[in-house]
């Protein structure tokens, strides 16, 4: 891609940022790639919301922040303007180059052209307005990286609903359980399709994740057993647990589960207890 001068993204108005986005895409002969779910931020409020949450959670200027999916570098630039150090990760080679141009000359910025799902996160804080098709994979990746203590991620509203869902609801599932066991999860501001270019077909929402537990072996087991159990989410939990986990009925009943309870009605902590029972069963079997 031929290097051209590029001005900083204007963060004072939606209209100015929209025009800047169109101008940059045209100048570099780029079109949003539908196959990669590319949709660029054109409402500066999203960047301001990130900054506000960082301040609320005590993230000080000078701290390193990992940005997953930097796109055209709008959030990157906003973070640098607040004196944060930024490691911007972008899969698309041309967009990574553009982010590099937006941040050129700033010693607090490093831009990496890579798949963020393949990297080990060494940052305490993650921010992301990444393509929605990686939403679930990104959330699980962040969950498994115990170094990440705070994550601010813009996702489609339906995914945020799933993450924050309560037992017995339609949205409650594996993602709800895993994320809620590891983080305090809080839904944030809503964003309309008009806040992005091109417009996505869904409403977006900010998700704030504040870690409460490190990812250990017991949570890996929870991932495995929820994968098995939620294939039969509406069946009676005791029978599904016996069949899929190989636990005895008296072991399961020791957890105080109702014989009528369905899998999707079990609270997150029950899955920790189930994982412990499986761990004990395997230990006993290996000593025979």
Foldseek 3Di string as FASTA:
>chain_A
DDDDQAEAQDLPALVSNVVSVVVVCVVVVHDADVVFQDKAFRHSVVLVVVVVVCVVVPPAQAAEEEEEACFQPNSVLSNVVRRHQYEYEHQDPVSLVNNCSNCPPPPSYHGHHDHPLPDQDQGQEYEYAGRQVCVLSVLVSLQQRQSHFKYKYKYFPLVLCLLCDAFPDPSDALNVLLQVVFWDKDKADKAALVRIPPRDPGIITIIMTGTDDHDDPLSVLLSVVRVQQVVQQFDFRLVSCCVRLVDDSVLLCVVVDDRRDGNSRDHSVSSSSSSVVSVVVVVVVVVD
